[in-house]
Amino acid sequence: MCKDFMLEASRRAVEDALFDRVVFTVEPDVYAAFLARLDAPPQPNQRLRRTMTTRSPWDAT
């Protein structure tokens, strides 16, 4: 009985993981540009500076 439960739970977890995927089809040049932006370091701007200098709510005392 425990074995059946584990198999069923595993099967559901696999289905959830597989069905929760989205596939985007794009042209190779668009994909290359996307990868380049992911690999590029973030450009400093006011929002990034504010995010990096703001204390976390759990750190504020």
N, C-alpha and C. Protein backbone atom coordinates (compact mmCIF):
# COMPACT_ATOMS: atom_id res chain seq x y z
N MET A 1 0.83 -1.19 0.00
CA MET A 1 0.00 0.00 0.00
C MET A 1 0.87 1.26 0.00
N CYS A 2 1.90 1.28 0.81
CA CYS A 2 2.80 2.44 0.85
C CYS A 2 3.50 2.61 -0.49
N LYS A 3 3.85 1.49 -1.12
CA LYS A 3 4.51 1.53 -2.43
C LYS A 3 3.58 2.16 -3.46
N ASP A 4 2.29 1.79 -3.45
CA ASP A 4 1.32 2.36 -4.39
C ASP A 4 1.18 3.87 -4.17
N PHE A 5 1.17 4.26 -2.91
CA PHE A 5 1.07 5.68 -2.59
C PHE A 5 2.27 6.44 -3.14
N MET A 6 3.45 5.91 -2.93
CA MET A 6 4.66 6.56 -3.40
C MET A 6 4.69 6.64 -4.93
N LEU A 7 4.29 5.58 -5.59
CA LEU A 7 4.25 5.60 -7.05
C LEU A 7 3.25 6.63 -7.57
N GLU A 8 2.09 6.69 -6.96
CA GLU A 8 1.07 7.66 -7.38
C GLU A 8 1.53 9.09 -7.12
N ALA A 9 2.12 9.33 -5.96
CA ALA A 9 2.62 10.67 -5.64
C ALA A 9 3.73 11.07 -6.59
N SER A 10 4.61 10.14 -6.91
CA SER A 10 5.69 10.43 -7.86
C SER A 10 5.14 10.72 -9.24
N ARG A 11 4.16 9.94 -9.67
CA ARG A 11 3.56 10.15 -10.98
C ARG A 11 2.91 11.53 -11.06
N ARG A 12 2.19 11.94 -10.02
CA ARG A 12 1.57 13.26 -10.00
C ARG A 12 2.62 14.37 -10.04
N ALA A 13 3.70 14.20 -9.30
CA ALA A 13 4.76 15.21 -9.29
C ALA A 13 5.40 15.35 -10.66
N VAL A 14 5.61 14.24 -11.34
CA VAL A 14 6.19 14.29 -12.68
C VAL A 14 5.23 14.96 -13.65
N GLU A 15 3.96 14.61 -13.58
CA GLU A 15 2.97 15.24 -14.46
C GLU A 15 2.93 16.74 -14.23
N ASP A 16 2.90 17.16 -12.97
CA ASP A 16 2.88 18.59 -12.67
C ASP A 16 4.09 19.30 -13.25
N ALA A 17 5.25 18.69 -13.12
CA ALA A 17 6.48 19.31 -13.63
C ALA A 17 6.46 19.39 -15.16
N LEU A 18 6.00 18.35 -15.80
CA LEU A 18 5.99 18.33 -17.26
C LEU A 18 4.90 19.23 -17.85
N PHE A 19 3.74 19.26 -17.24
CA PHE A 19 2.64 20.07 -17.76
C PHE A 19 2.81 21.55 -17.43
N ASP A 20 3.73 21.88 -16.56
CA ASP A 20 3.94 23.28 -16.16
C ASP A 20 5.05 23.92 -16.99
N ARG A 21 5.23 23.48 -18.20
CA ARG A 21 6.28 24.02 -19.07
C ARG A 21 5.65 24.80 -20.21
N VAL A 22 6.33 25.86 -20.60
CA VAL A 22 5.91 26.67 -21.74
C VAL A 22 7.07 26.71 -22.72
N VAL A 23 6.78 26.46 -23.97
CA VAL A 23 7.82 26.47 -25.00
C VAL A 23 7.59 27.69 -25.88
N PHE A 24 8.63 28.50 -26.03
CA PHE A 24 8.59 29.65 -26.92
C PHE A 24 9.45 29.34 -28.13
N THR A 25 8.92 29.58 -29.30
CA THR A 25 9.67 29.37 -30.53
C THR A 25 10.01 30.74 -31.10
N VAL A 26 11.30 31.03 -31.25
CA VAL A 26 11.73 32.32 -31.78
C VAL A 26 12.83 32.09 -32.82
N GLU A 27 13.07 33.13 -33.59
CA GLU A 27 14.13 33.07 -34.59
C GLU A 27 15.49 33.00 -33.90
N PRO A 28 16.48 32.41 -34.54
CA PRO A 28 17.81 32.28 -33.92
C PRO A 28 18.43 33.62 -33.52
N ASP A 29 18.23 34.67 -34.29
CA ASP A 29 18.82 35.96 -33.93
C ASP A 29 18.14 36.56 -32.70
N VAL A 30 16.85 36.33 -32.55
CA VAL A 30 16.13 36.81 -31.37
C VAL A 30 16.60 36.06 -30.13
N TYR A 31 16.79 34.75 -30.27
CA TYR A 31 17.27 33.94 -29.15
C TYR A 31 18.69 34.34 -28.76
N ALA A 32 19.53 34.62 -29.75
CA ALA A 32 20.90 35.05 -29.47
C ALA A 32 20.90 36.38 -28.72
N ALA A 33 20.02 37.29 -29.12
CA ALA A 33 19.92 38.59 -28.43
C ALA A 33 19.44 38.39 -26.99
N PHE A 34 18.50 37.47 -26.80
CA PHE A 34 18.00 37.17 -25.46
C PHE A 34 19.11 36.63 -24.57
N LEU A 35 19.89 35.68 -25.10
CA LEU A 35 21.01 35.12 -24.33
C LEU A 35 22.06 36.19 -24.02
N ALA A 36 22.31 37.07 -24.97
CA ALA A 36 23.29 38.15 -24.73
C ALA A 36 22.83 39.04 -23.59
N ARG A 37 21.54 39.34 -23.52
CA ARG A 37 21.03 40.18 -22.43
C ARG A 37 21.12 39.45 -21.09
N LEU A 38 20.88 38.14 -21.09
CA LEU A 38 21.01 37.38 -19.85
C LEU A 38 22.45 37.35 -19.36
N ASP A 39 23.40 37.24 -20.29
CA ASP A 39 24.81 37.15 -19.94
C ASP A 39 25.42 38.50 -19.58
N ALA A 40 24.82 39.59 -20.03
CA ALA A 40 25.37 40.92 -19.78
C ALA A 40 25.19 41.30 -18.31
N PRO A 41 26.17 41.98 -17.74
CA PRO A 41 26.00 42.43 -16.35
C PRO A 41 24.92 43.51 -16.29
N PRO A 42 24.24 43.62 -15.16
CA PRO A 42 23.20 44.65 -15.05
C PRO A 42 23.81 46.04 -15.14
N GLN A 43 23.12 46.91 -15.84
CA GLN A 43 23.58 48.29 -15.96
C GLN A 43 23.08 49.07 -14.73
N PRO A 44 23.99 49.73 -14.05
CA PRO A 44 23.57 50.49 -12.87
C PRO A 44 22.53 51.54 -13.24
N ASN A 45 21.50 51.62 -12.45
CA ASN A 45 20.48 52.65 -12.60
C ASN A 45 19.89 52.92 -11.22
N GLN A 46 19.02 53.90 -11.16
CA GLN A 46 18.49 54.31 -9.85
C GLN A 46 17.71 53.20 -9.17
N ARG A 47 16.91 52.46 -9.91
CA ARG A 47 16.13 51.38 -9.30
C ARG A 47 17.04 50.29 -8.74
N LEU A 48 18.08 49.94 -9.48
CA LEU A 48 19.01 48.92 -9.01
C LEU A 48 19.75 49.41 -7.77
N ARG A 49 20.20 50.65 -7.79
CA ARG A 49 20.90 51.20 -6.61
C ARG A 49 19.98 51.18 -5.38
N ARG A 50 18.73 51.58 -5.57
CA ARG A 50 17.78 51.61 -4.45
C ARG A 50 17.54 50.19 -3.94
N THR A 51 17.39 49.23 -4.84
CA THR A 51 17.17 47.85 -4.44
C THR A 51 18.35 47.32 -3.65
N MET A 52 19.55 47.63 -4.09
CA MET A 52 20.73 47.08 -3.46
C MET A 52 21.06 47.76 -2.12
N THR A 53 20.52 48.94 -1.89
CA THR A 53 20.84 49.65 -0.64
C THR A 53 19.69 49.63 0.36
N THR A 54 18.51 49.14 -0.04
CA THR A 54 17.37 49.08 0.87
C THR A 54 17.49 47.86 1.77
N ARG A 55 17.29 48.08 3.06
CA ARG A 55 17.36 46.95 4.00
C ARG A 55 16.16 46.05 3.83
N SER A 56 16.35 44.79 4.03
CA SER A 56 15.27 43.82 3.96
C SER A 56 14.34 44.02 5.15
N PRO A 57 13.05 43.76 4.97
CA PRO A 57 12.11 43.95 6.10
C PRO A 57 12.49 43.10 7.30
N TRP A 58 13.05 41.93 7.08
CA TRP A 58 13.41 41.07 8.22
C TRP A 58 14.70 41.54 8.91
N ASP A 59 15.46 42.45 8.26
CA ASP A 59 16.67 42.99 8.87
C ASP A 59 16.41 44.28 9.62
N ALA A 60 15.33 44.96 9.28
CA ALA A 60 15.03 46.24 9.92
C ALA A 60 14.61 46.02 11.37
N THR A 61 15.25 46.76 12.25
CA THR A 61 14.88 46.63 13.67
C THR A 61 14.74 48.00 14.29
